[in-house]
N, C-alpha and C. Protein backbone atom coordinates (compact mmCIF):
# COMPACT_ATOMS: atom_id res chain seq x y z
N MET A 1 89.56 -106.30 -27.61
CA MET A 1 90.45 -105.28 -27.26
C MET A 1 90.45 -104.45 -28.41
N THR A 2 90.74 -103.09 -28.18
CA THR A 2 90.65 -102.13 -29.17
C THR A 2 92.19 -101.71 -29.77
N ARG A 3 92.26 -101.36 -30.86
CA ARG A 3 93.48 -101.07 -31.52
C ARG A 3 93.66 -99.67 -31.99
N ASP A 4 94.76 -98.97 -31.92
CA ASP A 4 94.96 -97.77 -32.26
C ASP A 4 95.61 -98.00 -33.53
N TYR A 5 94.67 -97.51 -34.36
CA TYR A 5 94.99 -97.40 -35.80
C TYR A 5 95.88 -96.36 -36.52
N LYS A 6 95.81 -95.34 -35.48
CA LYS A 6 96.50 -94.03 -35.85
C LYS A 6 98.03 -94.21 -36.00
N ARG A 7 98.46 -94.76 -35.12
CA ARG A 7 99.89 -94.93 -35.10
C ARG A 7 100.62 -96.32 -35.15
N ARG A 8 100.54 -96.76 -36.28
CA ARG A 8 100.80 -97.99 -36.83
C ARG A 8 102.23 -97.97 -37.31
N PRO A 9 103.30 -98.61 -36.99
CA PRO A 9 104.55 -98.78 -37.59
C PRO A 9 104.53 -99.25 -39.07
N GLY A 10 105.14 -98.70 -40.13
CA GLY A 10 105.47 -98.95 -41.37
C GLY A 10 104.06 -98.55 -42.25
N ARG A 11 103.24 -97.86 -41.82
CA ARG A 11 102.04 -97.63 -42.73
C ARG A 11 102.33 -96.00 -42.94
N ARG A 12 103.18 -95.45 -42.73
CA ARG A 12 103.02 -94.11 -42.83
C ARG A 12 103.25 -93.70 -44.30
N LYS A 13 102.74 -92.84 -44.78
CA LYS A 13 102.79 -92.13 -46.23
C LYS A 13 103.80 -91.31 -46.17
N LYS A 14 104.77 -91.61 -47.40
CA LYS A 14 105.84 -90.80 -47.48
C LYS A 14 105.48 -89.56 -48.41
N LYS A 15 105.94 -88.38 -47.79
CA LYS A 15 105.50 -87.10 -48.89
C LYS A 15 106.51 -87.20 -49.85
N VAL A 16 106.10 -86.69 -51.13
CA VAL A 16 106.90 -86.84 -52.48
C VAL A 16 107.20 -85.33 -52.25
N ALA A 17 108.56 -84.76 -52.36
CA ALA A 17 109.09 -83.30 -52.40
C ALA A 17 108.77 -83.10 -54.10
N GLN A 18 107.83 -82.03 -54.15
CA GLN A 18 107.51 -81.33 -55.32
C GLN A 18 108.28 -80.11 -55.52
N PRO A 19 108.90 -79.64 -56.64
CA PRO A 19 109.40 -78.48 -56.91
C PRO A 19 108.53 -77.41 -56.61
N PRO A 20 108.81 -76.04 -56.04
CA PRO A 20 108.17 -75.04 -56.16
C PRO A 20 107.45 -74.34 -57.43
N GLY A 21 106.46 -73.60 -57.62
CA GLY A 21 105.83 -73.22 -58.70
C GLY A 21 106.58 -72.45 -59.52
N TRP A 22 107.62 -71.64 -59.03
CA TRP A 22 108.68 -70.85 -59.85
C TRP A 22 109.42 -71.56 -60.64
N ILE A 23 109.80 -72.80 -60.27
CA ILE A 23 110.64 -73.59 -61.06
C ILE A 23 109.96 -73.94 -62.24
N TRP A 24 108.71 -74.55 -62.16
CA TRP A 24 107.79 -74.78 -63.32
C TRP A 24 107.77 -73.66 -64.21
N MET A 25 107.51 -72.49 -63.64
CA MET A 25 107.64 -71.14 -64.55
C MET A 25 108.77 -70.92 -65.21
N LEU A 26 110.03 -71.18 -64.79
CA LEU A 26 111.14 -71.05 -65.32
C LEU A 26 111.42 -71.82 -66.38
N PHE A 27 110.96 -73.18 -66.24
CA PHE A 27 110.96 -74.32 -67.06
C PHE A 27 110.13 -74.20 -68.56
N GLY A 28 108.94 -73.58 -68.15
CA GLY A 28 108.00 -73.31 -69.22
C GLY A 28 108.71 -72.10 -70.24
N LEU A 29 109.19 -71.02 -69.48
CA LEU A 29 109.61 -69.80 -69.96
C LEU A 29 110.78 -70.42 -71.00
N GLY A 30 111.67 -71.26 -70.47
CA GLY A 30 112.98 -71.72 -71.16
C GLY A 30 112.42 -72.40 -72.43
N VAL A 31 111.43 -73.24 -72.14
CA VAL A 31 110.97 -74.17 -73.53
C VAL A 31 110.57 -73.34 -74.22
N GLY A 32 109.58 -72.21 -74.00
CA GLY A 32 108.95 -71.32 -74.87
C GLY A 32 109.91 -70.34 -75.76
N LEU A 33 110.89 -69.79 -75.09
CA LEU A 33 112.05 -69.08 -75.79
C LEU A 33 112.67 -69.96 -76.65
N SER A 34 113.26 -71.13 -76.31
CA SER A 34 113.97 -72.05 -77.22
C SER A 34 113.30 -72.33 -78.48
N VAL A 35 112.00 -72.49 -78.32
CA VAL A 35 110.98 -72.69 -79.68
C VAL A 35 110.96 -71.54 -80.26
N ALA A 36 110.97 -70.35 -79.66
CA ALA A 36 110.87 -68.94 -80.43
C ALA A 36 112.01 -68.89 -81.15
N MET A 37 113.34 -69.27 -80.47
CA MET A 37 114.53 -69.06 -80.99
C MET A 37 114.67 -70.04 -82.30
N TRP A 38 114.26 -71.02 -82.15
CA TRP A 38 114.43 -72.25 -83.33
C TRP A 38 113.60 -71.64 -84.45
N VAL A 39 112.35 -71.13 -84.27
CA VAL A 39 111.40 -70.54 -85.28
C VAL A 39 112.21 -69.38 -86.13
N TYR A 40 112.75 -68.67 -85.27
CA TYR A 40 113.56 -67.27 -85.81
C TYR A 40 114.47 -67.66 -86.72
N LEU A 41 115.28 -68.51 -86.18
CA LEU A 41 116.50 -69.02 -86.96
C LEU A 41 116.13 -69.80 -88.33
N TYR A 42 115.30 -70.67 -87.97
CA TYR A 42 114.74 -71.41 -89.27
C TYR A 42 113.94 -70.32 -90.14
N ASP A 43 113.43 -69.48 -89.92
CA ASP A 43 112.75 -68.71 -90.79
C ASP A 43 113.48 -67.67 -91.48
N ARG A 44 114.69 -67.48 -90.83
CA ARG A 44 115.73 -66.54 -91.46
C ARG A 44 116.49 -67.29 -92.61
N GLN A 45 116.66 -68.69 -92.11
CA GLN A 45 117.56 -69.33 -93.07
C GLN A 45 116.69 -69.86 -94.42
N ALA A 46 115.44 -69.84 -94.36
CA ALA A 46 114.50 -70.39 -95.40
C ALA A 46 114.45 -69.44 -96.61
N GLU A 47 114.46 -67.96 -96.23
CA GLU A 47 114.54 -67.18 -97.31
C GLU A 47 115.78 -66.56 -97.57
N PRO A 48 116.27 -66.95 -98.82
CA PRO A 48 117.72 -66.57 -99.02
C PRO A 48 117.75 -64.79 -99.60
N PRO A 49 118.52 -64.16 -99.15
CA PRO A 49 118.74 -62.57 -99.29
C PRO A 49 118.52 -62.21 -100.88
N THR A 50 117.97 -61.37 -100.91
CA THR A 50 117.56 -60.87 -102.43
C THR A 50 118.53 -59.77 -102.55
N GLN A 51 119.08 -59.57 -103.95
CA GLN A 51 120.06 -58.35 -104.23
C GLN A 51 119.72 -57.96 -105.41
N GLN A 52 119.57 -56.53 -105.27
CA GLN A 52 119.02 -55.59 -106.29
C GLN A 52 120.25 -55.56 -107.58
N PRO A 53 119.60 -55.49 -108.79
CA PRO A 53 120.79 -55.67 -109.77
C PRO A 53 121.36 -54.39 -109.83
N VAL A 54 122.51 -53.97 -110.15
CA VAL A 54 123.16 -52.76 -110.49
C VAL A 54 123.10 -52.49 -111.84
N ALA A 55 122.67 -51.24 -111.88
CA ALA A 55 122.43 -50.68 -113.27
C ALA A 55 123.76 -50.39 -114.04
N SER A 56 123.84 -50.92 -115.19
CA SER A 56 125.38 -50.70 -116.09
C SER A 56 124.85 -49.51 -116.90
N THR A 57 126.06 -48.96 -117.37
CA THR A 57 125.84 -47.92 -118.47
C THR A 57 126.09 -48.57 -119.82
N GLN A 58 126.69 -49.77 -119.82
CA GLN A 58 126.99 -50.40 -121.03
C GLN A 58 125.39 -51.27 -121.36
N GLN A 59 125.44 -51.51 -122.66
CA GLN A 59 124.38 -52.35 -123.28
C GLN A 59 124.85 -53.83 -122.93
N GLU A 60 123.86 -54.79 -122.41
CA GLU A 60 124.26 -56.21 -122.23
C GLU A 60 123.67 -56.86 -123.56
N PRO A 61 124.59 -57.88 -123.87
CA PRO A 61 124.13 -58.69 -125.04
C PRO A 61 122.76 -59.42 -125.08
N ALA A 62 122.17 -59.64 -125.85
CA ALA A 62 120.94 -60.09 -125.99
C ALA A 62 120.91 -61.51 -125.27
N SER A 63 121.99 -62.25 -125.36
CA SER A 63 121.85 -63.74 -124.93
C SER A 63 122.11 -63.69 -123.14
N ALA A 64 122.77 -62.53 -122.84
CA ALA A 64 122.84 -62.27 -121.19
C ALA A 64 121.33 -62.03 -120.58
N LYS A 65 120.68 -61.02 -121.47
CA LYS A 65 119.28 -60.73 -120.93
C LYS A 65 118.56 -61.89 -120.85
N ALA A 66 118.41 -62.65 -122.04
CA ALA A 66 117.72 -64.02 -121.89
C ALA A 66 118.11 -64.82 -121.14
N GLU A 67 119.41 -65.21 -120.46
CA GLU A 67 119.67 -65.54 -119.48
C GLU A 67 119.19 -65.16 -118.06
N GLN A 68 119.09 -63.85 -118.13
CA GLN A 68 118.65 -63.26 -116.85
C GLN A 68 117.22 -63.54 -116.84
N GLU A 69 116.50 -63.30 -117.72
CA GLU A 69 114.99 -63.93 -117.62
C GLU A 69 114.73 -65.03 -117.29
N THR A 70 115.64 -66.22 -117.59
CA THR A 70 115.23 -67.47 -117.29
C THR A 70 115.46 -67.60 -115.62
N ARG A 71 116.49 -67.10 -115.27
CA ARG A 71 116.88 -67.17 -113.74
C ARG A 71 115.99 -66.22 -112.88
N LYS A 72 115.18 -65.46 -113.42
CA LYS A 72 114.24 -64.57 -112.71
C LYS A 72 113.31 -65.37 -111.77
N GLU A 73 113.37 -65.05 -110.39
CA GLU A 73 112.40 -65.57 -109.59
C GLU A 73 110.74 -65.26 -110.05
N PRO A 74 110.03 -65.90 -109.47
CA PRO A 74 108.55 -65.51 -109.88
C PRO A 74 108.27 -64.40 -109.01
N THR A 75 107.32 -63.44 -109.35
CA THR A 75 107.17 -62.20 -108.70
C THR A 75 106.02 -62.48 -107.52
N ARG A 76 106.25 -61.88 -106.68
CA ARG A 76 105.38 -62.07 -105.20
C ARG A 76 104.29 -61.25 -105.29
N PHE A 77 104.43 -59.97 -106.24
CA PHE A 77 103.36 -58.99 -106.10
C PHE A 77 102.70 -58.91 -107.40
N SER A 78 101.65 -58.34 -107.39
CA SER A 78 100.82 -58.50 -108.73
C SER A 78 100.92 -57.09 -109.49
N PHE A 79 101.29 -56.06 -108.47
CA PHE A 79 101.19 -54.75 -109.10
C PHE A 79 102.40 -54.31 -110.41
N TYR A 80 103.22 -55.50 -110.23
CA TYR A 80 104.22 -55.37 -111.45
C TYR A 80 103.56 -55.50 -112.77
N GLU A 81 102.53 -56.31 -112.79
CA GLU A 81 101.79 -56.62 -114.07
C GLU A 81 100.73 -55.33 -114.34
N VAL A 82 100.21 -55.14 -113.12
CA VAL A 82 98.95 -54.54 -113.08
C VAL A 82 99.29 -52.82 -113.36
N LEU A 83 100.19 -52.22 -112.71
CA LEU A 83 100.28 -50.83 -112.97
C LEU A 83 100.69 -50.49 -114.55
N PRO A 84 101.63 -51.09 -115.21
CA PRO A 84 101.83 -50.75 -116.64
C PRO A 84 100.61 -50.96 -117.29
N LYS A 85 99.45 -51.59 -116.73
CA LYS A 85 98.28 -51.55 -117.84
C LYS A 85 97.15 -50.36 -117.52
N PHE A 86 97.54 -49.51 -116.46
CA PHE A 86 96.73 -48.47 -116.10
C PHE A 86 96.86 -47.38 -117.03
N GLU A 87 95.81 -46.68 -117.57
CA GLU A 87 96.19 -45.65 -118.32
C GLU A 87 95.54 -44.35 -117.51
N VAL A 88 96.59 -43.41 -117.63
CA VAL A 88 96.09 -41.84 -116.93
C VAL A 88 95.70 -41.02 -117.86
N VAL A 89 94.62 -40.76 -117.92
CA VAL A 89 93.97 -39.45 -118.69
C VAL A 89 94.16 -38.06 -118.29
N ILE A 90 94.94 -37.40 -119.06
CA ILE A 90 95.33 -36.20 -118.23
C ILE A 90 94.53 -35.18 -119.31
N PRO A 91 93.62 -34.31 -118.77
CA PRO A 91 92.67 -33.26 -119.40
C PRO A 91 93.49 -32.46 -120.31
N GLU A 92 92.72 -32.04 -121.37
CA GLU A 92 93.21 -31.05 -122.31
C GLU A 92 93.65 -29.57 -121.69
N THR A 93 92.42 -29.19 -121.10
CA THR A 93 92.44 -27.73 -120.28
C THR A 93 92.84 -28.04 -118.98
N GLU A 94 93.36 -27.09 -118.42
CA GLU A 94 94.12 -26.88 -117.17
C GLU A 94 92.81 -26.81 -116.19
N SER A 95 92.90 -27.46 -115.32
CA SER A 95 91.86 -27.23 -114.02
C SER A 95 91.99 -25.91 -113.36
N SER A 96 91.06 -25.32 -112.79
CA SER A 96 90.96 -23.89 -112.05
C SER A 96 91.28 -24.39 -110.96
N ALA A 97 91.45 -25.70 -110.35
CA ALA A 97 91.80 -25.73 -108.82
C ALA A 97 93.08 -25.53 -108.68
N GLN A 98 93.48 -24.84 -107.68
CA GLN A 98 95.29 -24.74 -107.30
C GLN A 98 95.42 -25.03 -105.89
N ALA A 99 96.34 -25.31 -105.36
CA ALA A 99 96.72 -25.55 -104.01
C ALA A 99 96.84 -24.00 -103.56
N ASP A 100 96.03 -23.72 -102.40
CA ASP A 100 96.04 -22.28 -101.61
C ASP A 100 97.27 -22.34 -100.86
N THR A 101 98.62 -22.12 -101.36
CA THR A 101 99.82 -21.99 -100.47
C THR A 101 100.16 -20.62 -100.42
N HIS A 102 99.83 -19.68 -101.36
CA HIS A 102 100.54 -18.43 -101.34
C HIS A 102 99.76 -17.42 -100.45
N PRO A 103 100.22 -16.51 -99.71
CA PRO A 103 99.39 -15.56 -98.95
C PRO A 103 98.82 -14.34 -99.89
N VAL A 104 99.06 -14.33 -101.13
CA VAL A 104 98.76 -13.18 -101.91
C VAL A 104 96.99 -13.03 -101.96
N PRO A 105 96.53 -12.11 -101.64
CA PRO A 105 94.99 -11.96 -101.55
C PRO A 105 94.60 -12.10 -103.33
N ILE A 106 93.35 -12.60 -103.27
CA ILE A 106 92.65 -12.77 -104.60
C ILE A 106 92.00 -11.65 -104.84
N THR A 107 92.40 -11.25 -106.35
CA THR A 107 91.66 -9.80 -106.64
C THR A 107 90.97 -9.87 -107.85
N GLU A 108 91.27 -11.10 -108.51
CA GLU A 108 90.36 -11.33 -109.91
C GLU A 108 89.04 -11.79 -109.32
N PRO A 109 88.01 -10.85 -109.84
CA PRO A 109 86.64 -11.26 -109.43
C PRO A 109 86.13 -12.48 -110.06
N GLY A 110 85.16 -13.18 -109.17
CA GLY A 110 84.57 -14.50 -109.88
C GLY A 110 84.01 -15.26 -108.38
N GLN A 111 83.36 -16.35 -108.83
CA GLN A 111 83.11 -17.29 -107.70
C GLN A 111 84.19 -18.20 -107.01
N TYR A 112 84.35 -18.50 -106.09
CA TYR A 112 85.40 -19.69 -105.41
C TYR A 112 84.90 -20.40 -104.62
N VAL A 113 85.46 -21.41 -104.52
CA VAL A 113 85.20 -22.66 -103.35
C VAL A 113 86.26 -22.93 -103.04
N LEU A 114 86.53 -23.23 -101.60
CA LEU A 114 87.50 -23.46 -101.06
C LEU A 114 87.48 -25.20 -100.62
N GLN A 115 88.28 -26.03 -100.84
CA GLN A 115 88.20 -27.46 -100.45
C GLN A 115 89.26 -27.85 -99.37
N ALA A 116 88.75 -28.08 -98.32
CA ALA A 116 89.66 -28.41 -97.09
C ALA A 116 89.92 -29.89 -96.98
N GLY A 117 89.56 -30.57 -97.76
CA GLY A 117 90.03 -32.11 -97.97
C GLY A 117 89.06 -33.08 -98.40
N SER A 118 89.56 -34.14 -98.74
CA SER A 118 88.84 -35.19 -99.81
C SER A 118 88.99 -36.40 -99.04
N PHE A 119 88.16 -37.20 -98.34
CA PHE A 119 88.57 -38.26 -97.71
C PHE A 119 87.59 -39.44 -98.08
N LYS A 120 88.26 -40.77 -97.80
CA LYS A 120 87.33 -41.99 -98.29
C LYS A 120 86.60 -42.23 -97.08
N ASN A 121 86.92 -42.08 -95.62
CA ASN A 121 85.86 -42.26 -94.59
C ASN A 121 85.37 -41.08 -94.30
N PHE A 122 83.88 -41.41 -94.12
CA PHE A 122 82.93 -40.27 -93.96
C PHE A 122 83.46 -39.59 -92.41
N ALA A 123 83.94 -40.32 -91.63
CA ALA A 123 84.21 -39.93 -90.26
C ALA A 123 85.22 -38.64 -90.19
N ASP A 124 86.25 -38.94 -91.22
CA ASP A 124 87.38 -38.05 -91.49
C ASP A 124 86.76 -36.76 -91.79
N ALA A 125 85.90 -36.80 -92.82
CA ALA A 125 85.31 -35.70 -93.31
C ALA A 125 84.50 -35.00 -92.57
N ASP A 126 83.70 -35.62 -91.69
CA ASP A 126 82.79 -35.01 -90.61
C ASP A 126 83.81 -34.32 -89.49
N ARG A 127 84.92 -34.99 -89.14
CA ARG A 127 85.78 -34.41 -88.04
C ARG A 127 86.27 -33.06 -88.65
N MET A 128 86.78 -33.09 -90.04
CA MET A 128 87.07 -31.77 -90.66
C MET A 128 86.28 -30.72 -90.69
N GLN A 129 84.80 -31.08 -90.92
CA GLN A 129 83.77 -30.02 -91.11
C GLN A 129 83.58 -29.64 -89.46
N ALA A 130 83.60 -30.30 -88.66
CA ALA A 130 83.55 -29.68 -87.14
C ALA A 130 84.83 -28.97 -86.68
N THR A 131 85.98 -29.24 -87.10
CA THR A 131 87.10 -28.36 -86.90
C THR A 131 86.75 -27.00 -87.60
N LEU A 132 86.36 -26.93 -88.74
CA LEU A 132 85.95 -25.72 -89.66
C LEU A 132 84.83 -24.92 -88.97
N GLY A 133 84.09 -25.74 -88.45
CA GLY A 133 82.87 -25.10 -87.48
C GLY A 133 83.21 -24.54 -86.45
N LEU A 134 84.37 -25.19 -85.51
CA LEU A 134 84.59 -24.35 -84.44
C LEU A 134 85.50 -23.28 -84.79
N LEU A 135 85.99 -22.97 -85.89
CA LEU A 135 86.68 -21.68 -86.29
C LEU A 135 85.59 -20.74 -86.85
N GLY A 136 84.38 -21.09 -86.75
CA GLY A 136 83.23 -20.18 -87.36
C GLY A 136 83.13 -20.16 -88.66
N LEU A 137 83.51 -21.32 -89.55
CA LEU A 137 83.42 -21.47 -90.63
C LEU A 137 82.12 -22.48 -91.12
N GLU A 138 81.45 -22.26 -92.18
CA GLU A 138 80.47 -23.16 -92.40
C GLU A 138 80.68 -23.85 -93.57
N ALA A 139 80.99 -25.32 -93.51
CA ALA A 139 81.34 -26.00 -94.25
C ALA A 139 80.50 -27.16 -94.64
N ARG A 140 80.41 -27.79 -96.07
CA ARG A 140 79.53 -28.72 -96.16
C ARG A 140 80.44 -30.17 -96.74
N VAL A 141 79.64 -31.10 -96.49
CA VAL A 141 80.57 -32.35 -96.88
C VAL A 141 79.62 -32.90 -98.31
N GLN A 142 80.51 -33.10 -99.23
CA GLN A 142 79.87 -33.46 -100.57
C GLN A 142 80.33 -35.09 -100.95
N LYS A 143 79.41 -35.74 -101.20
CA LYS A 143 79.80 -37.07 -101.33
C LYS A 143 79.77 -37.25 -103.01
N VAL A 144 81.09 -37.90 -103.55
CA VAL A 144 81.36 -37.89 -104.84
C VAL A 144 81.94 -39.46 -105.12
N SER A 145 81.36 -39.94 -106.27
CA SER A 145 81.83 -41.32 -106.51
C SER A 145 82.68 -41.10 -107.74
N ILE A 146 84.00 -41.72 -107.87
CA ILE A 146 84.94 -41.55 -108.86
C ILE A 146 85.51 -43.30 -109.05
N ASP A 147 85.12 -43.64 -110.15
CA ASP A 147 85.17 -44.96 -110.75
C ASP A 147 84.22 -45.81 -109.77
N SER A 148 85.03 -46.77 -108.89
CA SER A 148 84.20 -47.40 -107.90
C SER A 148 84.52 -47.10 -106.48
N ASP A 149 85.22 -45.80 -106.31
CA ASP A 149 85.39 -45.28 -104.90
C ASP A 149 84.37 -44.18 -104.66
N THR A 150 84.25 -43.89 -103.42
CA THR A 150 83.55 -43.04 -102.77
C THR A 150 84.41 -41.84 -102.11
N TRP A 151 84.56 -40.72 -102.19
CA TRP A 151 85.12 -39.71 -101.68
C TRP A 151 84.16 -38.92 -101.05
N HIS A 152 84.47 -38.04 -99.87
CA HIS A 152 83.76 -37.06 -99.04
C HIS A 152 84.53 -35.90 -99.36
N ARG A 153 84.27 -35.01 -99.82
CA ARG A 153 84.83 -33.61 -99.93
C ARG A 153 84.20 -32.78 -99.01
N VAL A 154 85.26 -31.75 -98.28
CA VAL A 154 84.75 -30.83 -97.28
C VAL A 154 85.19 -29.44 -97.88
N ARG A 155 83.82 -28.95 -98.56
CA ARG A 155 83.96 -27.64 -98.92
C ARG A 155 83.52 -26.31 -98.40
N LEU A 156 84.14 -25.21 -98.49
CA LEU A 156 83.47 -23.90 -98.01
C LEU A 156 83.09 -23.17 -99.17
N GLY A 157 82.03 -22.16 -99.06
CA GLY A 157 81.57 -21.45 -100.08
C GLY A 157 80.38 -21.92 -100.94
N PRO A 158 80.21 -21.42 -102.20
CA PRO A 158 80.99 -20.37 -102.96
C PRO A 158 80.90 -19.03 -102.55
N TYR A 159 82.22 -18.66 -102.73
CA TYR A 159 82.41 -17.07 -102.33
C TYR A 159 82.37 -16.22 -103.48
N SER A 160 81.64 -15.17 -103.67
CA SER A 160 81.82 -13.99 -104.41
C SER A 160 82.11 -12.77 -104.01
N ASP A 161 82.12 -12.73 -102.78
CA ASP A 161 82.78 -11.53 -102.10
C ASP A 161 84.36 -11.89 -101.74
N LEU A 162 85.14 -11.04 -102.21
CA LEU A 162 86.73 -11.41 -102.31
C LEU A 162 87.19 -10.99 -100.92
N ASP A 163 86.54 -9.99 -100.34
CA ASP A 163 87.12 -9.73 -98.89
C ASP A 163 87.03 -10.86 -98.09
N LEU A 164 85.59 -11.41 -97.97
CA LEU A 164 85.42 -12.78 -97.05
C LEU A 164 86.26 -13.66 -97.44
N LEU A 165 86.30 -14.06 -98.77
CA LEU A 165 87.33 -15.21 -99.31
C LEU A 165 88.72 -14.85 -98.48
N ASN A 166 89.29 -13.86 -98.85
CA ASN A 166 90.76 -13.62 -98.51
C ASN A 166 90.80 -13.66 -96.91
N ARG A 167 89.69 -13.10 -96.16
CA ARG A 167 89.76 -13.48 -94.72
C ARG A 167 89.75 -14.75 -94.28
N ASN A 168 88.98 -15.69 -94.81
CA ASN A 168 88.77 -17.11 -94.50
C ASN A 168 89.75 -17.87 -94.90
N ARG A 169 90.66 -17.36 -96.16
CA ARG A 169 91.75 -18.01 -96.53
C ARG A 169 92.89 -17.78 -95.42
N GLU A 170 93.03 -16.69 -94.90
CA GLU A 170 93.82 -16.24 -94.05
C GLU A 170 93.75 -16.90 -92.58
N LEU A 171 92.34 -17.17 -92.15
CA LEU A 171 92.40 -17.57 -90.91
C LEU A 171 92.54 -19.36 -91.10
N LEU A 172 92.14 -20.11 -92.28
CA LEU A 172 92.64 -21.34 -92.32
C LEU A 172 94.14 -21.56 -92.35
N ARG A 173 94.79 -20.51 -92.88
CA ARG A 173 96.18 -20.53 -93.20
C ARG A 173 96.96 -20.61 -91.74
N ARG A 174 96.40 -19.60 -90.82
CA ARG A 174 96.92 -19.44 -89.45
C ARG A 174 96.70 -20.65 -88.72
N ASN A 175 95.52 -21.48 -89.00
CA ASN A 175 95.26 -22.48 -88.26
C ASN A 175 95.91 -24.05 -88.95
N GLN A 176 96.58 -23.64 -89.81
CA GLN A 176 97.41 -24.72 -90.56
C GLN A 176 96.58 -25.88 -91.19
N ILE A 177 95.42 -25.20 -91.77
CA ILE A 177 94.69 -26.14 -92.89
C ILE A 177 94.83 -25.88 -94.20
N GLU A 178 95.38 -27.02 -94.76
CA GLU A 178 95.64 -26.58 -96.12
C GLU A 178 94.45 -26.73 -96.85
N VAL A 179 94.26 -25.99 -97.92
CA VAL A 179 92.95 -25.95 -98.86
C VAL A 179 93.40 -25.87 -100.22
N ILE A 180 92.42 -26.25 -100.99
CA ILE A 180 92.45 -25.97 -102.52
C ILE A 180 91.44 -24.93 -102.89
N ARG A 181 92.15 -23.96 -103.79
CA ARG A 181 91.30 -22.94 -104.03
C ARG A 181 90.54 -23.16 -105.51
N ILE A 182 89.38 -23.21 -105.75
CA ILE A 182 88.57 -23.88 -107.26
C ILE A 182 87.76 -22.62 -107.55
N ARG A 183 88.06 -22.07 -108.87
CA ARG A 183 87.07 -21.01 -109.35
C ARG A 183 86.07 -21.76 -110.05
N VAL A 184 84.77 -21.45 -109.77
CA VAL A 184 83.86 -21.98 -110.26
C VAL A 184 82.83 -20.88 -111.30
N GLY A 185 82.01 -21.30 -112.22
CA GLY A 185 81.42 -20.32 -112.75
C GLY A 185 81.89 -19.39 -113.50
N ASP A 186 82.65 -19.57 -114.50
CA ASP A 186 83.17 -18.28 -115.27
C ASP A 186 82.35 -17.81 -116.09
């Protein structure tokens, strides 16, 4: 005799009800936000607020200064020690380079160069050269090494024709390009 195995009483599999996917998403979001809140609050408590000392007009006694030095925190930045050691050399003679901000035409004869910028990145210098080219001005990029840094100067000229120099200065000023005027070859 054949048996019907499909419908056996007592052998039924019971379905376990699982929560929908959006509930798991909300649960994960809640756990993530609570961990982020804990990290934020813990991080804020770890660093005590720093206060700037108020400058006083009276002289402090030497013992008070020594006490402040012993309480001083170690510095986090090295430029406090490095900057005072730098020496700036100021040349004895004044440079002939001047910011070209005045619209007064140049009348003193000589040769002049206009510098439209000095950039660490060659791409920036090339962009300025292209901008000047769109204005109809011929510029060149000059690579210069100062100490261990390399700079790219964008220069126009040299000009000995003062009318051409003044026209180009006015064109640059109208296009809001700041330049430095340098007198060369005295």
